[in-house]
N, C-alpha and C. Protein backbone atom coordinates (compact mmCIF):
# COMPACT_ATOMS: atom_id res chain seq x y z
N MET A 1 0.84 -1.17 0.00
CA MET A 1 0.00 0.00 0.00
C MET A 1 0.88 1.22 0.00
N THR A 2 0.71 2.01 -0.93
CA THR A 2 1.49 3.22 -0.96
C THR A 2 0.72 4.33 -0.29
N ALA A 3 1.42 5.12 0.46
CA ALA A 3 0.78 6.22 1.17
C ALA A 3 0.57 7.39 0.21
N GLY A 4 -0.39 8.24 0.54
CA GLY A 4 -0.74 9.37 -0.31
C GLY A 4 0.10 10.58 -0.01
N GLY A 5 -0.52 11.76 -0.09
CA GLY A 5 0.17 13.02 0.11
C GLY A 5 0.75 13.17 1.50
N ALA A 6 1.68 14.08 1.61
CA ALA A 6 2.37 14.32 2.89
C ALA A 6 1.39 14.83 3.95
N ARG A 7 1.61 14.41 5.17
CA ARG A 7 0.82 14.88 6.30
C ARG A 7 1.36 16.24 6.74
N PRO A 8 0.50 17.03 7.41
CA PRO A 8 0.99 18.31 7.94
C PRO A 8 2.17 18.07 8.88
N GLN A 9 3.14 18.97 8.83
CA GLN A 9 4.34 18.81 9.65
C GLN A 9 4.95 20.16 9.96
N ARG A 10 5.83 20.14 10.93
CA ARG A 10 6.60 21.34 11.29
C ARG A 10 7.89 20.87 11.92
N SER A 11 8.99 21.49 11.59
CA SER A 11 10.28 21.13 12.17
C SER A 11 10.73 22.21 13.13
N GLY A 12 11.56 21.80 14.09
CA GLY A 12 12.11 22.72 15.07
C GLY A 12 13.34 22.11 15.72
N ARG A 13 14.11 22.94 16.38
CA ARG A 13 15.35 22.49 17.03
C ARG A 13 15.09 22.32 18.53
N MET A 14 15.41 21.12 19.02
CA MET A 14 15.28 20.81 20.44
C MET A 14 16.54 20.07 20.88
N GLU A 15 17.12 20.50 21.98
CA GLU A 15 18.31 19.85 22.53
C GLU A 15 19.40 19.67 21.48
N GLY A 16 19.59 20.68 20.64
CA GLY A 16 20.67 20.66 19.67
C GLY A 16 20.42 19.83 18.43
N ALA A 17 19.21 19.31 18.26
CA ALA A 17 18.91 18.48 17.09
C ALA A 17 17.63 18.98 16.43
N VAL A 18 17.48 18.66 15.15
CA VAL A 18 16.27 19.04 14.41
C VAL A 18 15.26 17.90 14.52
N TRP A 19 14.06 18.26 14.96
CA TRP A 19 12.94 17.32 15.09
C TRP A 19 11.85 17.73 14.11
N THR A 20 11.19 16.73 13.52
CA THR A 20 10.03 16.99 12.68
C THR A 20 8.82 16.41 13.40
N LEU A 21 7.80 17.24 13.56
CA LEU A 21 6.54 16.83 14.17
C LEU A 21 5.53 16.62 13.06
N TYR A 22 4.96 15.41 13.00
CA TYR A 22 3.93 15.08 12.02
C TYR A 22 2.57 15.04 12.70
N ASP A 23 1.54 15.51 12.01
CA ASP A 23 0.16 15.32 12.43
C ASP A 23 -0.23 13.97 11.83
N ALA A 24 -0.09 12.91 12.63
CA ALA A 24 -0.17 11.54 12.13
C ALA A 24 -1.58 10.98 12.04
N GLY A 25 -2.57 11.75 12.40
CA GLY A 25 -3.95 11.28 12.30
C GLY A 25 -4.81 11.93 13.35
N ARG A 26 -6.09 12.00 13.06
CA ARG A 26 -7.06 12.65 13.95
C ARG A 26 -8.22 11.72 14.24
N ALA A 27 -8.70 11.76 15.48
CA ALA A 27 -9.90 11.05 15.89
C ALA A 27 -11.11 11.89 15.49
N PRO A 28 -12.30 11.30 15.47
CA PRO A 28 -13.49 12.09 15.16
C PRO A 28 -13.67 13.31 16.07
N SER A 29 -13.15 13.24 17.29
CA SER A 29 -13.25 14.37 18.23
C SER A 29 -12.33 15.53 17.84
N GLY A 30 -11.39 15.28 16.94
CA GLY A 30 -10.42 16.30 16.55
C GLY A 30 -9.07 16.14 17.22
N LEU A 31 -9.01 15.35 18.31
CA LEU A 31 -7.71 15.09 18.94
C LEU A 31 -6.83 14.34 17.96
N GLY A 32 -5.54 14.61 18.03
CA GLY A 32 -4.64 14.00 17.06
C GLY A 32 -3.43 13.35 17.69
N LEU A 33 -2.76 12.56 16.89
CA LEU A 33 -1.50 11.94 17.26
C LEU A 33 -0.39 12.76 16.65
N GLY A 34 0.41 13.38 17.49
CA GLY A 34 1.60 14.08 17.04
C GLY A 34 2.78 13.14 17.17
N TYR A 35 3.59 13.04 16.14
CA TYR A 35 4.70 12.10 16.13
C TYR A 35 5.98 12.84 15.78
N PHE A 36 6.95 12.82 16.69
CA PHE A 36 8.23 13.51 16.51
C PHE A 36 9.30 12.53 16.04
N VAL A 37 10.01 12.90 14.97
CA VAL A 37 11.14 12.13 14.45
C VAL A 37 12.33 13.08 14.43
N CYS A 38 13.46 12.59 14.91
CA CYS A 38 14.67 13.40 14.97
C CYS A 38 15.59 13.09 13.80
N ASP A 39 16.26 14.13 13.29
CA ASP A 39 17.26 13.93 12.24
C ASP A 39 18.44 13.10 12.75
N ASP A 40 18.68 13.13 14.06
CA ASP A 40 19.74 12.34 14.69
C ASP A 40 19.16 10.97 15.03
N SER A 41 19.57 9.94 14.32
CA SER A 41 19.01 8.60 14.50
C SER A 41 19.25 8.00 15.89
N ARG A 42 20.12 8.61 16.67
CA ARG A 42 20.37 8.11 18.03
C ARG A 42 19.26 8.54 18.99
N MET A 43 18.44 9.50 18.59
CA MET A 43 17.36 10.00 19.44
C MET A 43 16.11 9.17 19.22
N GLU A 44 15.40 8.90 20.32
CA GLU A 44 14.15 8.14 20.27
C GLU A 44 13.00 8.98 19.75
N ASP A 45 12.14 8.38 18.94
CA ASP A 45 10.92 9.05 18.51
C ASP A 45 10.07 9.38 19.73
N ARG A 46 9.19 10.36 19.57
CA ARG A 46 8.29 10.78 20.65
C ARG A 46 6.87 10.92 20.09
N ARG A 47 5.89 10.72 20.96
CA ARG A 47 4.48 10.91 20.60
C ARG A 47 3.89 11.95 21.54
N ALA A 48 2.91 12.70 21.04
CA ALA A 48 2.21 13.68 21.87
C ALA A 48 0.78 13.82 21.36
N VAL A 49 -0.11 14.23 22.24
CA VAL A 49 -1.50 14.50 21.86
C VAL A 49 -1.56 15.88 21.22
N LEU A 50 -2.23 15.95 20.08
CA LEU A 50 -2.45 17.23 19.41
C LEU A 50 -3.88 17.68 19.71
N PRO A 51 -4.05 18.87 20.26
CA PRO A 51 -5.40 19.37 20.53
C PRO A 51 -6.20 19.56 19.23
N ALA A 52 -7.50 19.43 19.35
CA ALA A 52 -8.38 19.67 18.19
C ALA A 52 -8.14 21.08 17.66
N GLY A 53 -8.13 21.23 16.37
CA GLY A 53 -7.99 22.54 15.74
C GLY A 53 -6.56 23.02 15.59
N LEU A 54 -5.60 22.34 16.18
CA LEU A 54 -4.20 22.76 16.07
C LEU A 54 -3.70 22.53 14.65
N VAL A 55 -3.05 23.54 14.08
CA VAL A 55 -2.50 23.45 12.73
C VAL A 55 -0.97 23.53 12.87
N LEU A 56 -0.28 22.43 12.57
CA LEU A 56 1.16 22.36 12.81
C LEU A 56 1.98 23.47 12.15
N PRO A 57 1.77 23.77 10.87
CA PRO A 57 2.60 24.82 10.26
C PRO A 57 2.44 26.18 10.94
N ASP A 58 1.35 26.38 11.69
CA ASP A 58 1.12 27.65 12.37
C ASP A 58 1.73 27.73 13.76
N LEU A 59 2.32 26.63 14.25
CA LEU A 59 2.89 26.61 15.60
C LEU A 59 4.09 27.56 15.70
N ASP A 60 4.16 28.31 16.80
CA ASP A 60 5.36 29.09 17.06
C ASP A 60 6.35 28.20 17.81
N ASP A 61 7.56 28.68 18.03
CA ASP A 61 8.60 27.88 18.67
C ASP A 61 8.21 27.45 20.08
N GLU A 62 7.55 28.32 20.82
CA GLU A 62 7.14 28.00 22.20
C GLU A 62 6.12 26.86 22.23
N ALA A 63 5.14 26.91 21.34
CA ALA A 63 4.13 25.85 21.28
C ALA A 63 4.75 24.53 20.82
N PHE A 64 5.70 24.60 19.88
CA PHE A 64 6.41 23.40 19.42
C PHE A 64 7.16 22.77 20.59
N ARG A 65 7.87 23.61 21.37
CA ARG A 65 8.61 23.12 22.53
C ARG A 65 7.68 22.48 23.55
N ALA A 66 6.53 23.10 23.80
CA ALA A 66 5.58 22.56 24.78
C ALA A 66 5.08 21.17 24.35
N LEU A 67 4.79 21.00 23.07
CA LEU A 67 4.36 19.68 22.59
C LEU A 67 5.49 18.66 22.70
N TRP A 68 6.70 19.07 22.36
CA TRP A 68 7.84 18.16 22.44
C TRP A 68 8.06 17.72 23.89
N GLU A 69 7.99 18.68 24.82
CA GLU A 69 8.19 18.35 26.23
C GLU A 69 7.07 17.47 26.77
N ALA A 70 5.85 17.63 26.27
CA ALA A 70 4.73 16.80 26.71
C ALA A 70 4.79 15.40 26.09
N GLY A 71 5.56 15.26 25.02
CA GLY A 71 5.66 13.98 24.33
C GLY A 71 6.37 12.92 25.15
N ARG A 72 6.12 11.70 24.79
CA ARG A 72 6.73 10.55 25.45
C ARG A 72 7.31 9.62 24.39
N GLY A 73 8.31 8.86 24.77
CA GLY A 73 8.93 7.90 23.86
C GLY A 73 8.00 6.73 23.57
N LEU A 74 8.37 5.96 22.55
CA LEU A 74 7.59 4.78 22.22
C LEU A 74 7.72 3.75 23.33
N THR A 75 6.69 2.92 23.47
CA THR A 75 6.74 1.84 24.45
C THR A 75 7.34 0.60 23.81
N ARG A 76 7.51 -0.46 24.57
CA ARG A 76 8.08 -1.69 24.02
C ARG A 76 7.11 -2.39 23.07
N THR A 77 5.87 -1.90 23.01
CA THR A 77 4.88 -2.47 22.10
C THR A 77 4.69 -1.62 20.84
N GLU A 78 5.65 -0.74 20.57
CA GLU A 78 5.60 0.14 19.40
C GLU A 78 6.97 0.19 18.74
N ARG A 79 6.95 0.43 17.44
CA ARG A 79 8.22 0.52 16.71
C ARG A 79 8.00 1.30 15.42
N ARG A 80 9.01 2.06 15.03
CA ARG A 80 8.97 2.78 13.76
C ARG A 80 9.68 1.97 12.70
N VAL A 81 9.09 1.94 11.49
CA VAL A 81 9.75 1.35 10.32
C VAL A 81 9.61 2.34 9.17
N VAL A 82 10.52 2.23 8.23
CA VAL A 82 10.51 3.10 7.05
C VAL A 82 10.44 2.19 5.83
N ASP A 83 9.45 2.46 4.96
CA ASP A 83 9.29 1.61 3.78
C ASP A 83 10.25 2.02 2.67
N GLY A 84 10.20 1.31 1.57
CA GLY A 84 11.12 1.54 0.45
C GLY A 84 11.00 2.91 -0.18
N SER A 85 9.85 3.57 0.00
CA SER A 85 9.68 4.91 -0.57
C SER A 85 10.09 6.00 0.41
N GLY A 86 10.51 5.60 1.62
CA GLY A 86 10.91 6.56 2.64
C GLY A 86 9.79 6.99 3.57
N ALA A 87 8.59 6.44 3.39
CA ALA A 87 7.47 6.77 4.28
C ALA A 87 7.71 6.16 5.66
N ILE A 88 7.37 6.92 6.69
CA ILE A 88 7.56 6.50 8.08
C ILE A 88 6.27 5.87 8.58
N TRP A 89 6.36 4.68 9.17
CA TRP A 89 5.22 3.95 9.70
C TRP A 89 5.41 3.67 11.19
N LEU A 90 4.32 3.75 11.94
CA LEU A 90 4.31 3.37 13.35
C LEU A 90 3.62 2.03 13.45
N ALA A 91 4.33 1.03 13.95
CA ALA A 91 3.77 -0.30 14.19
C ALA A 91 3.44 -0.39 15.68
N GLN A 92 2.20 -0.80 15.99
CA GLN A 92 1.76 -0.89 17.38
C GLN A 92 1.12 -2.25 17.62
N SER A 93 1.49 -2.87 18.73
CA SER A 93 0.81 -4.09 19.14
C SER A 93 -0.61 -3.77 19.56
N VAL A 94 -1.52 -4.69 19.27
CA VAL A 94 -2.92 -4.53 19.62
C VAL A 94 -3.34 -5.75 20.42
N GLY A 95 -4.09 -5.54 21.49
CA GLY A 95 -4.58 -6.65 22.29
C GLY A 95 -3.80 -6.82 23.57
N PRO A 96 -4.22 -7.77 24.38
CA PRO A 96 -3.57 -7.97 25.68
C PRO A 96 -2.16 -8.56 25.55
N VAL A 97 -1.24 -8.00 26.29
CA VAL A 97 0.15 -8.44 26.23
C VAL A 97 0.28 -9.92 26.60
N TRP A 98 -0.50 -10.40 27.56
CA TRP A 98 -0.39 -11.81 27.97
C TRP A 98 -0.75 -12.77 26.85
N ALA A 99 -1.48 -12.33 25.85
CA ALA A 99 -1.90 -13.20 24.75
C ALA A 99 -0.76 -13.50 23.80
N GLU A 100 0.32 -12.75 23.91
CA GLU A 100 1.44 -12.90 22.97
C GLU A 100 2.05 -14.29 23.01
N GLY A 101 1.99 -14.97 24.13
CA GLY A 101 2.56 -16.30 24.25
C GLY A 101 1.74 -17.38 23.58
N GLY A 102 0.70 -17.02 22.86
CA GLY A 102 -0.12 -17.99 22.16
C GLY A 102 -1.35 -18.40 22.94
N VAL A 103 -1.49 -17.87 24.15
CA VAL A 103 -2.62 -18.23 25.00
C VAL A 103 -3.94 -17.81 24.35
N ALA A 104 -3.94 -16.65 23.72
CA ALA A 104 -5.14 -16.15 23.06
C ALA A 104 -4.73 -15.44 21.78
N ALA A 105 -4.11 -16.21 20.89
CA ALA A 105 -3.52 -15.62 19.69
C ALA A 105 -4.54 -14.84 18.85
N GLY A 106 -5.80 -15.21 18.90
CA GLY A 106 -6.80 -14.51 18.11
C GLY A 106 -7.16 -13.14 18.64
N THR A 107 -6.63 -12.77 19.80
CA THR A 107 -6.97 -11.47 20.39
C THR A 107 -5.88 -10.43 20.20
N VAL A 108 -4.80 -10.80 19.53
CA VAL A 108 -3.69 -9.87 19.33
C VAL A 108 -3.54 -9.52 17.86
N GLY A 109 -2.75 -8.51 17.60
CA GLY A 109 -2.46 -8.11 16.24
C GLY A 109 -1.48 -6.97 16.21
N VAL A 110 -1.24 -6.48 15.01
CA VAL A 110 -0.35 -5.34 14.80
C VAL A 110 -1.10 -4.33 13.93
N ARG A 111 -1.02 -3.08 14.33
CA ARG A 111 -1.60 -1.99 13.54
C ARG A 111 -0.45 -1.14 13.01
N LEU A 112 -0.50 -0.85 11.72
CA LEU A 112 0.52 -0.03 11.07
C LEU A 112 -0.13 1.23 10.53
N ARG A 113 0.38 2.39 10.98
CA ARG A 113 -0.16 3.69 10.57
C ARG A 113 0.97 4.48 9.93
N CYS A 114 0.72 5.00 8.72
CA CYS A 114 1.72 5.83 8.08
C CYS A 114 1.74 7.18 8.79
N ILE A 115 2.90 7.58 9.24
CA ILE A 115 3.08 8.83 9.99
C ILE A 115 3.34 10.00 9.05
N SER A 116 4.10 9.77 8.00
CA SER A 116 4.57 10.86 7.16
C SER A 116 3.67 11.17 5.96
N ALA A 117 2.72 10.30 5.65
CA ALA A 117 1.84 10.51 4.50
C ALA A 117 0.46 9.95 4.79
N ASP A 118 -0.54 10.50 4.11
CA ASP A 118 -1.89 9.97 4.25
C ASP A 118 -1.94 8.58 3.66
N GLY A 119 -2.66 7.70 4.33
CA GLY A 119 -2.82 6.34 3.83
C GLY A 119 -3.66 5.55 4.80
N PRO A 120 -4.16 4.42 4.35
CA PRO A 120 -4.99 3.59 5.22
C PRO A 120 -4.18 2.94 6.34
N VAL A 121 -4.84 2.71 7.46
CA VAL A 121 -4.23 1.95 8.55
C VAL A 121 -4.29 0.48 8.15
N VAL A 122 -3.18 -0.22 8.34
CA VAL A 122 -3.09 -1.63 8.01
C VAL A 122 -3.16 -2.42 9.31
N GLU A 123 -4.06 -3.40 9.38
CA GLU A 123 -4.17 -4.24 10.57
C GLU A 123 -3.83 -5.67 10.20
N TRP A 124 -3.09 -6.32 11.10
CA TRP A 124 -2.61 -7.67 10.86
C TRP A 124 -3.00 -8.50 12.08
N ASN A 125 -4.12 -9.22 11.98
CA ASN A 125 -4.64 -10.00 13.10
C ASN A 125 -3.80 -11.24 13.34
N GLY A 126 -3.62 -11.60 14.62
CA GLY A 126 -2.89 -12.80 15.00
C GLY A 126 -1.38 -12.63 15.01
N ALA A 127 -0.87 -11.51 14.55
CA ALA A 127 0.57 -11.26 14.54
C ALA A 127 0.99 -10.60 15.84
N THR A 128 2.23 -10.77 16.21
CA THR A 128 2.77 -10.09 17.39
C THR A 128 4.01 -9.31 16.97
N LEU A 129 4.07 -8.07 17.38
CA LEU A 129 5.15 -7.17 16.98
C LEU A 129 6.52 -7.71 17.39
N SER A 130 6.59 -8.33 18.56
CA SER A 130 7.88 -8.83 19.04
C SER A 130 8.44 -9.92 18.15
N ARG A 131 7.60 -10.56 17.37
CA ARG A 131 8.07 -11.64 16.48
C ARG A 131 8.23 -11.18 15.04
N MET A 132 7.96 -9.91 14.76
CA MET A 132 8.04 -9.38 13.41
C MET A 132 9.35 -8.63 13.21
N THR A 133 9.98 -8.86 12.08
CA THR A 133 11.15 -8.06 11.70
C THR A 133 10.65 -6.80 11.00
N ASP A 134 11.51 -5.84 10.86
CA ASP A 134 11.14 -4.65 10.09
C ASP A 134 10.76 -5.05 8.67
N GLU A 135 11.45 -6.02 8.10
CA GLU A 135 11.16 -6.47 6.74
C GLU A 135 9.76 -7.06 6.64
N ASP A 136 9.34 -7.84 7.68
CA ASP A 136 7.97 -8.39 7.71
C ASP A 136 6.95 -7.26 7.68
N LEU A 137 7.19 -6.23 8.48
CA LEU A 137 6.25 -5.11 8.58
C LEU A 137 6.21 -4.32 7.28
N ILE A 138 7.36 -4.07 6.69
CA ILE A 138 7.42 -3.32 5.43
C ILE A 138 6.72 -4.11 4.32
N ALA A 139 6.89 -5.43 4.32
CA ALA A 139 6.20 -6.25 3.32
C ALA A 139 4.69 -6.13 3.48
N ARG A 140 4.21 -6.02 4.70
CA ARG A 140 2.77 -5.91 4.94
C ARG A 140 2.23 -4.60 4.41
N VAL A 141 2.95 -3.52 4.56
CA VAL A 141 2.45 -2.23 4.05
C VAL A 141 2.68 -2.12 2.55
N GLY A 142 3.46 -3.03 1.99
CA GLY A 142 3.73 -3.00 0.56
C GLY A 142 2.74 -3.78 -0.27
N VAL A 143 1.66 -4.29 0.35
CA VAL A 143 0.64 -5.01 -0.40
C VAL A 143 0.04 -4.07 -1.44
N PRO A 144 -0.08 -4.49 -2.68
CA PRO A 144 -0.61 -3.59 -3.72
C PRO A 144 -2.01 -3.09 -3.40
N GLU A 145 -2.32 -1.89 -3.88
CA GLU A 145 -3.64 -1.28 -3.69
C GLU A 145 -4.71 -2.24 -4.21
N GLY A 146 -5.82 -2.31 -3.49
CA GLY A 146 -6.95 -3.12 -3.92
C GLY A 146 -6.86 -4.56 -3.49
N VAL A 147 -5.76 -4.96 -2.87
CA VAL A 147 -5.61 -6.34 -2.38
C VAL A 147 -5.66 -6.28 -0.86
N ALA A 148 -6.69 -6.89 -0.30
CA ALA A 148 -6.84 -6.87 1.15
C ALA A 148 -5.80 -7.78 1.79
N PRO A 149 -5.08 -7.28 2.83
CA PRO A 149 -4.11 -8.15 3.50
C PRO A 149 -4.83 -9.27 4.23
N SER A 150 -4.26 -10.45 4.20
CA SER A 150 -4.88 -11.59 4.89
C SER A 150 -4.38 -11.66 6.31
N SER A 151 -5.16 -12.28 7.16
CA SER A 151 -4.75 -12.52 8.54
C SER A 151 -4.04 -13.85 8.59
N ASP A 152 -2.93 -13.88 9.30
CA ASP A 152 -2.19 -15.15 9.43
C ASP A 152 -2.64 -15.89 10.66
């Protein structure tokens, strides 16, 4: 699945490095997922809640800093991958953590959301993020348009 046009974004300098904040998606309420990626690959990605109505390109430096400071790093059930076109994806485990051992395999899965471009959310039922390589995840988002991904 190829992602569409670029998502709204804004870059800024924090702690001596350049960070890009993406508006990675909005809920029906207007609340959004803000996703920070640093140009320095040694820095961990961060997530923050975006208030309804917030327009990233209009943020001043102080508001950018406040969102960055409110942000938190990814958990052990999340991971960033980059596909062959350079699009950034957030992979998140879905379901109860205890089910990962196969106890309730039908209750877990992986959700992949493109952070840097508009595109559909990809869900992979029965999969566990801890057992997936980046290549497995990239292959899943690379399914051609119009072909529904199957559940394993």
